[in-house]
C-alpha cells in the first residue's frame, strides 16, 4: 500500500479522541506496572546516553546495517547494549501469538486428535481442515454409496 494511505489512516485514527484516550491509558498502565520498571529505566538510560554523547550507535552486530535499535540482553546493565537492526532484534524477541479477545486459543489438533501440521492440513473456505479426517469422511461416503 502506498505511504499516503498509511499517513491518512494515522491521521484518521489519531483524530478520534476515544482512541487517543485509550492508547494513552494503555501506555500509562504499562509504564506504571512494576514488572516493567527495570526495562523502562534501562531504555531511558540509553536514550539519555545517546543524547549526551556518551553512547554511540554502532552497526548491526549480525548484518552490519546502519539503522539499528538497542537490545538489552540484561536490563540490570542499562548501558550494556547490543546494536541490532529491526529484523535481528525481532528475532531475539520472538512474540507469542495470543488469541484475539473472545476467541479460544489456537488449537493444534483436530477433534479426533490428528495434528494440524503442514502435511495434514489444508484450508477450505478460510478454515483449517484435517486431511486424515477428510479421508475418513470420504471413505465413509463411498462405502455408503456402494452399499446403497
C-alpha atoms as a PDB file:
ATOM      1  CA  UNK A   1       0.000   0.000   0.000  1.00  0.00           C
ATOM      2  CA  UNK A   2       1.241   3.490  -0.728  1.00  0.00           C
ATOM      3  CA  UNK A   3       2.734   5.552   2.110  1.00  0.00           C
ATOM      4  CA  UNK A   4      -0.026   8.134   1.712  1.00  0.00           C
ATOM      5  CA  UNK A   5      -2.595   5.504   2.685  1.00  0.00           C
ATOM      6  CA  UNK A   6      -0.781   4.893   5.982  1.00  0.00           C
ATOM      7  CA  UNK A   7      -0.460   8.616   6.643  1.00  0.00           C
ATOM      8  CA  UNK A   8      -4.187   9.141   6.014  1.00  0.00           C
ATOM      9  CA  UNK A   9      -5.080   6.190   8.239  1.00  0.00           C
ATOM     10  CA  UNK A  10      -2.940   7.532  11.093  1.00  0.00           C
ATOM     11  CA  UNK A  11      -4.483  10.977  10.743  1.00  0.00           C
ATOM     12  CA  UNK A  12      -7.999   9.485  10.954  1.00  0.00           C
ATOM     13  CA  UNK A  13      -7.017   7.140  13.789  1.00  0.00           C
ATOM     14  CA  UNK A  14      -5.415   9.776  15.983  1.00  0.00           C
ATOM     15  CA  UNK A  15      -8.237  12.255  15.273  1.00  0.00           C
ATOM     16  CA  UNK A  16     -10.651  10.048  17.253  1.00  0.00           C
ATOM     17  CA  UNK A  17     -10.487  11.263  20.876  1.00  0.00           C
ATOM     18  CA  UNK A  18     -11.713   7.958  22.282  1.00  0.00           C
ATOM     19  CA  UNK A  19      -8.931   6.009  20.577  1.00  0.00           C
ATOM     20  CA  UNK A  20      -6.327   8.547  21.666  1.00  0.00           C
ATOM     21  CA  UNK A  21      -7.541   8.321  25.257  1.00  0.00           C
ATOM     22  CA  UNK A  22      -7.474   4.513  25.157  1.00  0.00           C
ATOM     23  CA  UNK A  23      -3.910   4.444  23.791  1.00  0.00           C
ATOM     24  CA  UNK A  24      -2.805   6.911  26.473  1.00  0.00           C
ATOM     25  CA  UNK A  25      -4.463   4.832  29.201  1.00  0.00           C
ATOM     26  CA  UNK A  26      -2.747   1.670  27.940  1.00  0.00           C
ATOM     27  CA  UNK A  27       0.627   3.445  27.867  1.00  0.00           C
ATOM     28  CA  UNK A  28       0.163   4.715  31.438  1.00  0.00           C
ATOM     29  CA  UNK A  29      -0.801   1.222  32.570  1.00  0.00           C
ATOM     30  CA  UNK A  30       2.359  -0.306  31.040  1.00  0.00           C
ATOM     31  CA  UNK A  31       4.538   2.493  32.412  1.00  0.00           C
ATOM     32  CA  UNK A  32       3.229   2.118  35.964  1.00  0.00           C
ATOM     33  CA  UNK A  33       3.432  -1.669  36.024  1.00  0.00           C
ATOM     34  CA  UNK A  34       6.226  -2.593  38.483  1.00  0.00           C
ATOM     35  CA  UNK A  35       7.260  -5.509  36.250  1.00  0.00           C
ATOM     36  CA  UNK A  36       8.308  -3.016  33.539  1.00  0.00           C
ATOM     37  CA  UNK A  37      10.229  -0.639  35.814  1.00  0.00           C
ATOM     38  CA  UNK A  38      13.688  -2.062  35.107  1.00  0.00           C
ATOM     39  CA  UNK A  39      13.049  -2.106  31.335  1.00  0.00           C
ATOM     40  CA  UNK A  40      11.814   1.474  31.295  1.00  0.00           C
ATOM     41  CA  UNK A  41      14.775   2.705  33.342  1.00  0.00           C
ATOM     42  CA  UNK A  42      17.239   0.889  31.059  1.00  0.00           C
ATOM     43  CA  UNK A  43      15.661   2.363  27.919  1.00  0.00           C
ATOM     44  CA  UNK A  44      15.686   5.820  29.467  1.00  0.00           C
ATOM     45  CA  UNK A  45      19.364   5.461  30.406  1.00  0.00           C
ATOM     46  CA  UNK A  46      20.244   4.536  26.796  1.00  0.00           C
ATOM     47  CA  UNK A  47      18.214   7.467  25.455  1.00  0.00           C
ATOM     48  CA  UNK A  48      19.961   9.906  27.802  1.00  0.00           C
ATOM     49  CA  UNK A  49      23.405   8.467  26.991  1.00  0.00           C
ATOM     50  CA  UNK A  50      22.745   8.822  23.250  1.00  0.00           C
ATOM     51  CA  UNK A  51      21.583  12.418  23.677  1.00  0.00           C
ATOM     52  CA  UNK A  52      24.576  13.344  25.850  1.00  0.00           C
ATOM     53  CA  UNK A  53      27.050  11.641  23.505  1.00  0.00           C
ATOM     54  CA  UNK A  54      28.410   9.103  25.998  1.00  0.00           C
ATOM     55  CA  UNK A  55      26.948   6.245  23.945  1.00  0.00           C
ATOM     56  CA  UNK A  56      27.096   5.977  20.152  1.00  0.00           C
ATOM     57  CA  UNK A  57      25.093   3.814  17.788  1.00  0.00           C
ATOM     58  CA  UNK A  58      27.047   1.009  16.149  1.00  0.00           C
ATOM     59  CA  UNK A  59      26.171  -1.051  13.044  1.00  0.00           C
ATOM     60  CA  UNK A  60      24.088  -4.188  13.494  1.00  0.00           C
ATOM     61  CA  UNK A  61      26.191  -6.929  15.075  1.00  0.00           C
ATOM     62  CA  UNK A  62      24.694  -9.570  12.792  1.00  0.00           C
ATOM     63  CA  UNK A  63      24.461  -7.944   9.360  1.00  0.00           C
ATOM     64  CA  UNK A  64      26.147  -4.526   9.585  1.00  0.00           C
ATOM     65  CA  UNK A  65      23.027  -2.446   8.828  1.00  0.00           C
ATOM     66  CA  UNK A  66      23.207   1.175   9.969  1.00  0.00           C
ATOM     67  CA  UNK A  67      19.565   1.664  11.020  1.00  0.00           C
ATOM     68  CA  UNK A  68      19.750  -0.042  14.423  1.00  0.00           C
ATOM     69  CA  UNK A  69      17.983  -0.447  17.771  1.00  0.00           C
ATOM     70  CA  UNK A  70      19.448  -1.040  21.216  1.00  0.00           C
ATOM     71  CA  UNK A  71      18.876  -4.542  22.577  1.00  0.00           C
ATOM     72  CA  UNK A  72      19.311  -5.155  26.303  1.00  0.00           C
ATOM     73  CA  UNK A  73      20.349  -8.748  26.998  1.00  0.00           C
ATOM     74  CA  UNK A  74      20.354  -7.841  30.709  1.00  0.00           C
ATOM     75  CA  UNK A  75      18.275  -4.900  31.965  1.00  0.00           C
ATOM     76  CA  UNK A  76      20.336  -4.663  35.156  1.00  0.00           C
ATOM     77  CA  UNK A  77      23.217  -3.355  32.981  1.00  0.00           C
ATOM     78  CA  UNK A  78      21.397  -0.488  31.232  1.00  0.00           C
ATOM     79  CA  UNK A  79      24.279   0.784  29.094  1.00  0.00           C
ATOM     80  CA  UNK A  80      25.474  -2.658  28.036  1.00  0.00           C
ATOM     81  CA  UNK A  81      23.501  -2.992  24.796  1.00  0.00           C
ATOM     82  CA  UNK A  82      23.739  -4.888  21.542  1.00  0.00           C
ATOM     83  CA  UNK A  83      23.075  -2.845  18.419  1.00  0.00           C
ATOM     84  CA  UNK A  84      20.746  -4.757  16.108  1.00  0.00           C
ATOM     85  CA  UNK A  85      18.674  -3.952  13.032  1.00  0.00           C
ATOM     86  CA  UNK A  86      14.902  -4.386  13.315  1.00  0.00           C
ATOM     87  CA  UNK A  87      14.996  -7.854  11.710  1.00  0.00           C
ATOM     88  CA  UNK A  88      17.628  -9.287  14.046  1.00  0.00           C
ATOM     89  CA  UNK A  89      16.168  -7.501  17.082  1.00  0.00           C
ATOM     90  CA  UNK A  90      12.762  -9.080  16.464  1.00  0.00           C
ATOM     91  CA  UNK A  91      14.462 -12.494  16.139  1.00  0.00           C
ATOM     92  CA  UNK A  92      15.872 -12.039  19.657  1.00  0.00           C
ATOM     93  CA  UNK A  93      12.365 -11.270  20.957  1.00  0.00           C
ATOM     94  CA  UNK A  94      10.044 -13.873  19.437  1.00  0.00           C
ATOM     95  CA  UNK A  95       6.430 -12.935  20.035  1.00  0.00           C
ATOM     96  CA  UNK A  96       3.994 -15.480  21.311  1.00  0.00           C
ATOM     97  CA  UNK A  97       0.705 -15.078  19.476  1.00  0.00           C
ATOM     98  CA  UNK A  98      -2.177 -14.571  21.817  1.00  0.00           C
ATOM     99  CA  UNK A  99      -5.682 -15.387  20.668  1.00  0.00           C
ATOM    100  CA  UNK A 100      -7.933 -12.437  19.931  1.00  0.00           C
ATOM    101  CA  UNK A 101     -10.353 -11.367  22.640  1.00  0.00           C
ATOM    102  CA  UNK A 102     -13.345 -13.638  22.821  1.00  0.00           C
ATOM    103  CA  UNK A 103     -11.657 -16.388  20.799  1.00  0.00           C
ATOM    104  CA  UNK A 104     -10.369 -19.688  22.120  1.00  0.00           C
ATOM    105  CA  UNK A 105      -6.617 -20.375  21.967  1.00  0.00           C
ATOM    106  CA  UNK A 106      -5.213 -21.715  18.719  1.00  0.00           C
ATOM    107  CA  UNK A 107      -5.923 -25.446  18.561  1.00  0.00           C
ATOM    108  CA  UNK A 108      -3.081 -27.629  17.293  1.00  0.00           C
ATOM    109  CA  UNK A 109      -5.096 -30.849  16.793  1.00  0.00           C
ATOM    110  CA  UNK A 110      -8.420 -31.707  15.172  1.00  0.00           C
ATOM    111  CA  UNK A 111     -11.283 -33.120  17.245  1.00  0.00           C
ATOM    112  CA  UNK A 112     -10.073 -36.674  16.524  1.00  0.00           C
ATOM    113  CA  UNK A 113      -6.550 -35.854  17.701  1.00  0.00           C
ATOM    114  CA  UNK A 114      -4.746 -35.545  14.350  1.00  0.00           C
ATOM    115  CA  UNK A 115      -2.105 -32.783  14.362  1.00  0.00           C
ATOM    116  CA  UNK A 116      -2.624 -29.588  12.378  1.00  0.00           C
ATOM    117  CA  UNK A 117       0.794 -29.690  10.713  1.00  0.00           C
ATOM    118  CA  UNK A 118       1.850 -28.827   7.167  1.00  0.00           C
ATOM    119  CA  UNK A 119       1.417 -32.373   5.869  1.00  0.00           C
ATOM    120  CA  UNK A 120      -2.017 -32.970   7.437  1.00  0.00           C
ATOM    121  CA  UNK A 121      -3.677 -29.557   6.998  1.00  0.00           C
ATOM    122  CA  UNK A 122      -5.395 -27.802   4.131  1.00  0.00           C
ATOM    123  CA  UNK A 123      -7.521 -24.659   4.055  1.00  0.00           C
ATOM    124  CA  UNK A 124     -11.049 -24.559   2.702  1.00  0.00           C
ATOM    125  CA  UNK A 125     -13.304 -21.505   2.979  1.00  0.00           C
ATOM    126  CA  UNK A 126     -10.856 -19.756   5.330  1.00  0.00           C
ATOM    127  CA  UNK A 127     -10.788 -22.664   7.796  1.00  0.00           C
ATOM    128  CA  UNK A 128      -8.209 -25.305   8.603  1.00  0.00           C
ATOM    129  CA  UNK A 129      -9.199 -28.826   7.639  1.00  0.00           C
ATOM    130  CA  UNK A 130      -7.641 -32.133   8.647  1.00  0.00           C
ATOM    131  CA  UNK A 131      -6.606 -34.342   5.709  1.00  0.00           C
ATOM    132  CA  UNK A 132      -6.868 -37.546   7.775  1.00  0.00           C
ATOM    133  CA  UNK A 133     -10.421 -36.742   8.908  1.00  0.00           C
ATOM    134  CA  UNK A 134     -11.333 -35.791   5.345  1.00  0.00           C
ATOM    135  CA  UNK A 135     -10.017 -39.162   4.102  1.00  0.00           C
ATOM    136  CA  UNK A 136     -12.152 -40.959   6.713  1.00  0.00           C
ATOM    137  CA  UNK A 137     -15.242 -38.966   5.713  1.00  0.00           C
ATOM    138  CA  UNK A 138     -14.652 -39.675   2.006  1.00  0.00           C
ATOM    139  CA  UNK A 139     -14.258 -43.413   2.635  1.00  0.00           C
ATOM    140  CA  UNK A 140     -17.472 -43.479   4.706  1.00  0.00           C
ATOM    141  CA  UNK A 141     -19.375 -41.642   1.946  1.00  0.00           C
ATOM    142  CA  UNK A 142     -18.021 -44.031  -0.703  1.00  0.00           C
ATOM    143  CA  UNK A 143     -18.953 -47.093   1.391  1.00  0.00           C
ATOM    144  CA  UNK A 144     -22.490 -45.754   1.838  1.00  0.00           C
ATOM    145  CA  UNK A 145     -22.784 -45.022  -1.879  1.00  0.00           C
ATOM    146  CA  UNK A 146     -21.500 -48.509  -2.802  1.00  0.00           C
ATOM    147  CA  UNK A 147     -23.860 -50.229  -0.344  1.00  0.00           C
ATOM    148  CA  UNK A 148     -26.932 -48.233  -1.349  1.00  0.00           C
END
